[in-house]
Amino acid sequence: FEVSNNHVGKDVGLVLVPKGKDASKPENH
């Protein structure tokens, strides 16, 4: 994954989770 920050004004990232899993839990990332 290549993520570009098009002048958001702060740092950004990426989280990918299998659909149906609780995305708020890092162990599902």
PDB file of all heavy atoms in Angstrom:
ATOM      1  N   PHE A   1       0.855  -1.183   0.000  1.00  0.00           N
ATOM      2  CA  PHE A   1       0.000   0.000   0.000  1.00  0.00           C
ATOM      3  C   PHE A   1       0.889   1.231   0.000  1.00  0.00           C
ATOM      4  O   PHE A   1       1.810   1.341   0.799  1.00  0.00           O
ATOM      5  CB  PHE A   1      -0.916   0.003   1.229  1.00  0.00           C
ATOM      6  CG  PHE A   1      -1.952  -1.084   1.188  1.00  0.00           C
ATOM      7  CD1 PHE A   1      -1.682  -2.333   1.731  1.00  0.00           C
ATOM      8  CD2 PHE A   1      -3.176  -0.865   0.587  1.00  0.00           C
ATOM      9  CE1 PHE A   1      -2.626  -3.339   1.681  1.00  0.00           C
ATOM     10  CE2 PHE A   1      -4.137  -1.871   0.529  1.00  0.00           C
ATOM     11  CZ  PHE A   1      -3.854  -3.118   1.082  1.00  0.00           C
ATOM     12  N   GLU A   2       0.603   2.144  -0.919  1.00  0.00           N
ATOM     13  CA  GLU A   2       1.347   3.394  -1.036  1.00  0.00           C
ATOM     14  C   GLU A   2       0.358   4.518  -0.712  1.00  0.00           C
ATOM     15  O   GLU A   2      -0.604   4.728  -1.447  1.00  0.00           O
ATOM     16  CB  GLU A   2       1.884   3.529  -2.451  1.00  0.00           C
ATOM     17  CG  GLU A   2       2.711   4.768  -2.677  1.00  0.00           C
ATOM     18  CD  GLU A   2       3.227   4.819  -4.097  1.00  0.00           C
ATOM     19  OE1 GLU A   2       2.501   5.355  -4.956  1.00  0.00           O
ATOM     20  OE2 GLU A   2       4.329   4.302  -4.344  1.00  0.00           O
ATOM     21  N   VAL A   3       0.577   5.177   0.407  1.00  0.00           N
ATOM     22  CA  VAL A   3      -0.360   6.189   0.884  1.00  0.00           C
ATOM     23  C   VAL A   3       0.258   7.571   0.729  1.00  0.00           C
ATOM     24  O   VAL A   3       1.356   7.828   1.212  1.00  0.00           O
ATOM     25  CB  VAL A   3      -0.733   5.932   2.361  1.00  0.00           C
ATOM     26  CG1 VAL A   3      -1.685   7.004   2.873  1.00  0.00           C
ATOM     27  CG2 VAL A   3      -1.344   4.543   2.531  1.00  0.00           C
ATOM     28  N   SER A   4      -0.478   8.455   0.046  1.00  0.00           N
ATOM     29  CA  SER A   4      -0.012   9.834  -0.114  1.00  0.00           C
ATOM     30  C   SER A   4      -0.874  10.764   0.725  1.00  0.00           C
ATOM     31  O   SER A   4      -2.082  10.573   0.846  1.00  0.00           O
ATOM     32  CB  SER A   4      -0.022  10.256  -1.584  1.00  0.00           C
ATOM     33  OG  SER A   4      -1.332  10.251  -2.093  1.00  0.00           O
ATOM     34  N   ASN A   5      -0.224  11.751   1.292  1.00  0.00           N
ATOM     35  CA  ASN A   5      -0.875  12.765   2.116  1.00  0.00           C
ATOM     36  C   ASN A   5      -0.957  14.048   1.280  1.00  0.00           C
ATOM     37  O   ASN A   5       0.015  14.766   1.141  1.00  0.00           O
ATOM     38  CB  ASN A   5      -0.063  12.990   3.394  1.00  0.00           C
ATOM     39  CG  ASN A   5      -0.668  14.019   4.320  1.00  0.00           C
ATOM     40  OD1 ASN A   5      -1.445  14.869   3.914  1.00  0.00           O
ATOM     41  ND2 ASN A   5      -0.271  13.952   5.580  1.00  0.00           N
ATOM     42  N   ASN A   6      -2.150  14.279   0.708  1.00  0.00           N
ATOM     43  CA  ASN A   6      -2.348  15.424  -0.174  1.00  0.00           C
ATOM     44  C   ASN A   6      -2.774  16.638   0.660  1.00  0.00           C
ATOM     45  O   ASN A   6      -3.931  17.044   0.630  1.00  0.00           O
ATOM     46  CB  ASN A   6      -3.363  15.103  -1.269  1.00  0.00           C
ATOM     47  CG  ASN A   6      -3.417  16.171  -2.338  1.00  0.00           C
ATOM     48  OD1 ASN A   6      -2.758  17.199  -2.239  1.00  0.00           O
ATOM     49  ND2 ASN A   6      -4.213  15.927  -3.364  1.00  0.00           N
ATOM     50  N   HIS A   7      -1.823  17.135   1.412  1.00  0.00           N
ATOM     51  CA  HIS A   7      -1.981  18.359   2.202  1.00  0.00           C
ATOM     52  C   HIS A   7      -3.157  18.313   3.175  1.00  0.00           C
ATOM     53  O   HIS A   7      -3.962  19.235   3.242  1.00  0.00           O
ATOM     54  CB  HIS A   7      -2.033  19.579   1.279  1.00  0.00           C
ATOM     55  CG  HIS A   7      -0.841  19.613   0.370  1.00  0.00           C
ATOM     56  ND1 HIS A   7       0.443  19.801   0.846  1.00  0.00           N
ATOM     57  CD2 HIS A   7      -0.725  19.402  -0.965  1.00  0.00           C
ATOM     58  CE1 HIS A   7       1.291  19.744  -0.164  1.00  0.00           C
ATOM     59  NE2 HIS A   7       0.622  19.492  -1.269  1.00  0.00           N
ATOM     60  N   VAL A   8      -3.218  17.206   3.942  1.00  0.00           N
ATOM     61  CA  VAL A   8      -4.226  17.055   4.984  1.00  0.00           C
ATOM     62  C   VAL A   8      -3.969  18.046   6.122  1.00  0.00           C
ATOM     63  O   VAL A   8      -4.886  18.487   6.793  1.00  0.00           O
ATOM     64  CB  VAL A   8      -4.256  15.593   5.502  1.00  0.00           C
ATOM     65  CG1 VAL A   8      -5.165  15.444   6.707  1.00  0.00           C
ATOM     66  CG2 VAL A   8      -4.690  14.644   4.379  1.00  0.00           C
ATOM     67  N   GLY A   9      -2.715  18.398   6.319  1.00  0.00           N
ATOM     68  CA  GLY A   9      -2.372  19.326   7.393  1.00  0.00           C
ATOM     69  C   GLY A   9      -1.913  18.633   8.657  1.00  0.00           C
ATOM     70  O   GLY A   9      -1.601  19.284   9.657  1.00  0.00           O
ATOM     71  N   LYS A  10      -1.888  17.302   8.625  1.00  0.00           N
ATOM     72  CA  LYS A  10      -1.376  16.504   9.742  1.00  0.00           C
ATOM     73  C   LYS A  10      -0.934  15.156   9.198  1.00  0.00           C
ATOM     74  O   LYS A  10      -1.184  14.824   8.037  1.00  0.00           O
ATOM     75  CB  LYS A  10      -2.434  16.340  10.824  1.00  0.00           C
ATOM     76  CG  LYS A  10      -3.745  15.736  10.356  1.00  0.00           C
ATOM     77  CD  LYS A  10      -4.740  15.700  11.503  1.00  0.00           C
ATOM     78  CE  LYS A  10      -6.166  15.612  10.985  1.00  0.00           C
ATOM     79  NZ  LYS A  10      -7.144  15.697  12.049  1.00  0.00           N
ATOM     80  N   ASP A  11      -0.266  14.370  10.035  1.00  0.00           N
ATOM     81  CA  ASP A  11       0.180  13.039   9.644  1.00  0.00           C
ATOM     82  C   ASP A  11      -1.025  12.138   9.387  1.00  0.00           C
ATOM     83  O   ASP A  11      -2.071  12.283  10.032  1.00  0.00           O
ATOM     84  CB  ASP A  11       1.035  12.414  10.743  1.00  0.00           C
ATOM     85  CG  ASP A  11       2.318  13.174  11.006  1.00  0.00           C
ATOM     86  OD1 ASP A  11       2.677  14.054  10.193  1.00  0.00           O
ATOM     87  OD2 ASP A  11       2.967  12.882  12.026  1.00  0.00           O
ATOM     88  N   VAL A  12      -0.866  11.206   8.438  1.00  0.00           N
ATOM     89  CA  VAL A  12      -1.913  10.227   8.154  1.00  0.00           C
ATOM     90  C   VAL A  12      -1.309   8.830   8.142  1.00  0.00           C
ATOM     91  O   VAL A  12      -0.092   8.666   8.184  1.00  0.00           O
ATOM     92  CB  VAL A  12      -2.646  10.524   6.820  1.00  0.00           C
ATOM     93  CG1 VAL A  12      -3.268  11.913   6.837  1.00  0.00           C
ATOM     94  CG2 VAL A  12      -1.728  10.356   5.622  1.00  0.00           C
ATOM     95  N   GLY A  13      -2.170   7.833   8.073  1.00  0.00           N
ATOM     96  CA  GLY A  13      -1.736   6.438   8.040  1.00  0.00           C
ATOM     97  C   GLY A  13      -2.767   5.596   7.329  1.00  0.00           C
ATOM     98  O   GLY A  13      -3.599   6.103   6.568  1.00  0.00           O
ATOM     99  N   LEU A  14      -2.734   4.299   7.603  1.00  0.00           N
ATOM    100  CA  LEU A  14      -3.655   3.359   6.975  1.00  0.00           C
ATOM    101  C   LEU A  14      -3.900   2.201   7.926  1.00  0.00           C
ATOM    102  O   LEU A  14      -2.954   1.654   8.502  1.00  0.00           O
ATOM    103  CB  LEU A  14      -3.072   2.818   5.666  1.00  0.00           C
ATOM    104  CG  LEU A  14      -3.871   1.706   4.987  1.00  0.00           C
ATOM    105  CD1 LEU A  14      -5.188   2.245   4.420  1.00  0.00           C
ATOM    106  CD2 LEU A  14      -3.053   1.042   3.887  1.00  0.00           C
ATOM    107  N   VAL A  15      -5.168   1.826   8.066  1.00  0.00           N
ATOM    108  CA  VAL A  15      -5.550   0.621   8.802  1.00  0.00           C
ATOM    109  C   VAL A  15      -6.387  -0.224   7.863  1.00  0.00           C
ATOM    110  O   VAL A  15      -7.292   0.284   7.194  1.00  0.00           O
ATOM    111  CB  VAL A  15      -6.345   0.959  10.090  1.00  0.00           C
ATOM    112  CG1 VAL A  15      -6.852  -0.313  10.755  1.00  0.00           C
ATOM    113  CG2 VAL A  15      -5.481   1.758  11.055  1.00  0.00           C
ATOM    114  N   LEU A  16      -6.089  -1.520   7.804  1.00  0.00           N
ATOM    115  CA  LEU A  16      -6.825  -2.477   6.990  1.00  0.00           C
ATOM    116  C   LEU A  16      -7.311  -3.596   7.900  1.00  0.00           C
ATOM    117  O   LEU A  16      -6.519  -4.138   8.698  1.00  0.00           O
ATOM    118  CB  LEU A  16      -5.917  -3.042   5.888  1.00  0.00           C
ATOM    119  CG  LEU A  16      -6.551  -4.032   4.913  1.00  0.00           C
ATOM    120  CD1 LEU A  16      -7.579  -3.318   4.019  1.00  0.00           C
ATOM    121  CD2 LEU A  16      -5.483  -4.696   4.067  1.00  0.00           C
ATOM    122  N   VAL A  17      -8.603  -3.924   7.793  1.00  0.00           N
ATOM    123  CA  VAL A  17      -9.219  -4.926   8.671  1.00  0.00           C
ATOM    124  C   VAL A  17     -10.143  -5.806   7.829  1.00  0.00           C
ATOM    125  O   VAL A  17     -10.864  -5.284   6.969  1.00  0.00           O
ATOM    126  CB  VAL A  17     -10.061  -4.231   9.773  1.00  0.00           C
ATOM    127  CG1 VAL A  17     -10.683  -5.238  10.718  1.00  0.00           C
ATOM    128  CG2 VAL A  17      -9.227  -3.234  10.540  1.00  0.00           C
ATOM    129  N   PRO A  18     -10.152  -7.122   8.075  1.00  0.00           N
ATOM    130  CA  PRO A  18     -11.152  -7.950   7.395  1.00  0.00           C
ATOM    131  C   PRO A  18     -12.557  -7.458   7.751  1.00  0.00           C
ATOM    132  O   PRO A  18     -12.839  -7.155   8.918  1.00  0.00           O
ATOM    133  CB  PRO A  18     -10.904  -9.354   7.951  1.00  0.00           C
ATOM    134  CG  PRO A  18      -9.482  -9.330   8.420  1.00  0.00           C
ATOM    135  CD  PRO A  18      -9.261  -7.924   8.923  1.00  0.00           C
ATOM    136  N   LYS A  19     -13.416  -7.352   6.753  1.00  0.00           N
ATOM    137  CA  LYS A  19     -14.783  -6.862   6.982  1.00  0.00           C
ATOM    138  C   LYS A  19     -15.485  -7.787   7.981  1.00  0.00           C
ATOM    139  O   LYS A  19     -15.348  -9.000   7.925  1.00  0.00           O
ATOM    140  CB  LYS A  19     -15.558  -6.816   5.668  1.00  0.00           C
ATOM    141  CG  LYS A  19     -16.839  -6.031   5.766  1.00  0.00           C
ATOM    142  CD  LYS A  19     -17.414  -5.755   4.399  1.00  0.00           C
ATOM    143  CE  LYS A  19     -18.531  -4.736   4.524  1.00  0.00           C
ATOM    144  NZ  LYS A  19     -18.978  -4.306   3.206  1.00  0.00           N
ATOM    145  N   GLY A  20     -16.198  -7.173   8.918  1.00  0.00           N
ATOM    146  CA  GLY A  20     -16.901  -7.947   9.940  1.00  0.00           C
ATOM    147  C   GLY A  20     -16.157  -8.011  11.259  1.00  0.00           C
ATOM    148  O   GLY A  20     -16.729  -8.343  12.289  1.00  0.00           O
ATOM    149  N   LYS A  21     -14.866  -7.707  11.239  1.00  0.00           N
ATOM    150  CA  LYS A  21     -14.072  -7.671  12.475  1.00  0.00           C
ATOM    151  C   LYS A  21     -14.160  -6.266  13.063  1.00  0.00           C
ATOM    152  O   LYS A  21     -14.329  -5.291  12.343  1.00  0.00           O
ATOM    153  CB  LYS A  21     -12.612  -8.022  12.196  1.00  0.00           C
ATOM    154  CG  LYS A  21     -12.407  -9.412  11.642  1.00  0.00           C
ATOM    155  CD  LYS A  21     -11.808 -10.289  12.671  1.00  0.00           C
ATOM    156  CE  LYS A  21     -11.543 -11.668  12.060  1.00  0.00           C
ATOM    157  NZ  LYS A  21     -10.791 -12.495  12.926  1.00  0.00           N
ATOM    158  N   ASP A  22     -14.012  -6.170  14.374  1.00  0.00           N
ATOM    159  CA  ASP A  22     -14.069  -4.880  15.064  1.00  0.00           C
ATOM    160  C   ASP A  22     -12.816  -4.073  14.725  1.00  0.00           C
ATOM    161  O   ASP A  22     -11.715  -4.393  15.171  1.00  0.00           O
ATOM    162  CB  ASP A  22     -14.184  -5.107  16.566  1.00  0.00           C
ATOM    163  CG  ASP A  22     -14.376  -3.830  17.361  1.00  0.00           C
ATOM    164  OD1 ASP A  22     -14.171  -2.726  16.808  1.00  0.00           O
ATOM    165  OD2 ASP A  22     -14.721  -3.939  18.547  1.00  0.00           O
ATOM    166  N   ALA A  23     -12.996  -3.025  13.923  1.00  0.00           N
ATOM    167  CA  ALA A  23     -11.867  -2.221  13.450  1.00  0.00           C
ATOM    168  C   ALA A  23     -11.223  -1.403  14.564  1.00  0.00           C
ATOM    169  O   ALA A  23     -10.101  -0.938  14.416  1.00  0.00           O
ATOM    170  CB  ALA A  23     -12.317  -1.305  12.324  1.00  0.00           C
ATOM    171  N   SER A  24     -11.914  -1.235  15.696  1.00  0.00           N
ATOM    172  CA  SER A  24     -11.344  -0.453  16.794  1.00  0.00           C
ATOM    173  C   SER A  24     -10.329  -1.257  17.606  1.00  0.00           C
ATOM    174  O   SER A  24      -9.604  -0.689  18.422  1.00  0.00           O
ATOM    175  CB  SER A  24     -12.453   0.058  17.719  1.00  0.00           C
ATOM    176  OG  SER A  24     -13.062  -1.026  18.410  1.00  0.00           O
ATOM    177  N   LYS A  25     -10.266  -2.555  17.366  1.00  0.00           N
ATOM    178  CA  LYS A  25      -9.326  -3.417  18.103  1.00  0.00           C
ATOM    179  C   LYS A  25      -8.070  -3.661  17.261  1.00  0.00           C
ATOM    180  O   LYS A  25      -8.143  -4.301  16.211  1.00  0.00           O
ATOM    181  CB  LYS A  25      -9.983  -4.745  18.464  1.00  0.00           C
ATOM    182  CG  LYS A  25     -11.134  -4.594  19.434  1.00  0.00           C
ATOM    183  CD  LYS A  25     -11.677  -5.935  19.831  1.00  0.00           C
ATOM    184  CE  LYS A  25     -12.780  -5.759  20.859  1.00  0.00           C
ATOM    185  NZ  LYS A  25     -13.310  -7.061  21.277  1.00  0.00           N
ATOM    186  N   PRO A  26      -6.923  -3.176  17.720  1.00  0.00           N
ATOM    187  CA  PRO A  26      -5.677  -3.347  16.953  1.00  0.00           C
ATOM    188  C   PRO A  26      -5.345  -4.804  16.625  1.00  0.00           C
ATOM    189  O   PRO A  26      -4.711  -5.062  15.604  1.00  0.00           O
ATOM    190  CB  PRO A  26      -4.611  -2.727  17.852  1.00  0.00           C
ATOM    191  CG  PRO A  26      -5.362  -1.733  18.673  1.00  0.00           C
ATOM    192  CD  PRO A  26      -6.719  -2.349  18.898  1.00  0.00           C
ATOM    193  N   GLU A  27      -5.781  -5.734  17.447  1.00  0.00           N
ATOM    194  CA  GLU A  27      -5.477  -7.148  17.150  1.00  0.00           C
ATOM    195  C   GLU A  27      -6.196  -7.631  15.892  1.00  0.00           C
ATOM    196  O   GLU A  27      -5.826  -8.667  15.326  1.00  0.00           O
ATOM    197  CB  GLU A  27      -5.801  -8.061  18.344  1.00  0.00           C
ATOM    198  CG  GLU A  27      -7.255  -8.087  18.749  1.00  0.00           C
ATOM    199  CD  GLU A  27      -7.615  -7.095  19.855  1.00  0.00           C
ATOM    200  OE1 GLU A  27      -6.865  -6.116  20.082  1.00  0.00           O
ATOM    201  OE2 GLU A  27      -8.665  -7.297  20.484  1.00  0.00           O
ATOM    202  N   ASN A  28      -7.196  -6.900  15.420  1.00  0.00           N
ATOM    203  CA  ASN A  28      -7.882  -7.254  14.175  1.00  0.00           C
ATOM    204  C   ASN A  28      -7.264  -6.594  12.949  1.00  0.00           C
ATOM    205  O   ASN A  28      -7.610  -6.939  11.821  1.00  0.00           O
ATOM    206  CB  ASN A  28      -9.365  -6.880  14.261  1.00  0.00           C
ATOM    207  CG  ASN A  28     -10.114  -7.738  15.258  1.00  0.00           C
ATOM    208  OD1 ASN A  28      -9.746  -8.881  15.518  1.00  0.00           O
ATOM    209  ND2 ASN A  28     -11.170  -7.195  15.838  1.00  0.00           N
ATOM    210  N   HIS A  29      -6.365  -5.655  13.162  1.00  0.00           N
ATOM    211  CA  HIS A  29      -5.725  -4.951  12.048  1.00  0.00           C
ATOM    212  C   HIS A  29      -4.737  -5.872  11.336  1.00  0.00           C
ATOM    213  O   HIS A  29      -4.058  -6.681  11.967  1.00  0.00           O
ATOM    214  CB  HIS A  29      -4.948  -3.737  12.542  1.00  0.00           C
ATOM    215  CG  HIS A  29      -5.806  -2.697  13.202  1.00  0.00           C
ATOM    216  ND1 HIS A  29      -5.259  -1.547  13.733  1.00  0.00           N
ATOM    217  CD2 HIS A  29      -7.143  -2.616  13.416  1.00  0.00           C
ATOM    218  CE1 HIS A  29      -6.229  -0.812  14.250  1.00  0.00           C
ATOM    219  NE2 HIS A  29      -7.382  -1.442  14.075  1.00  0.00           N
TER     220      HIS A  29
END
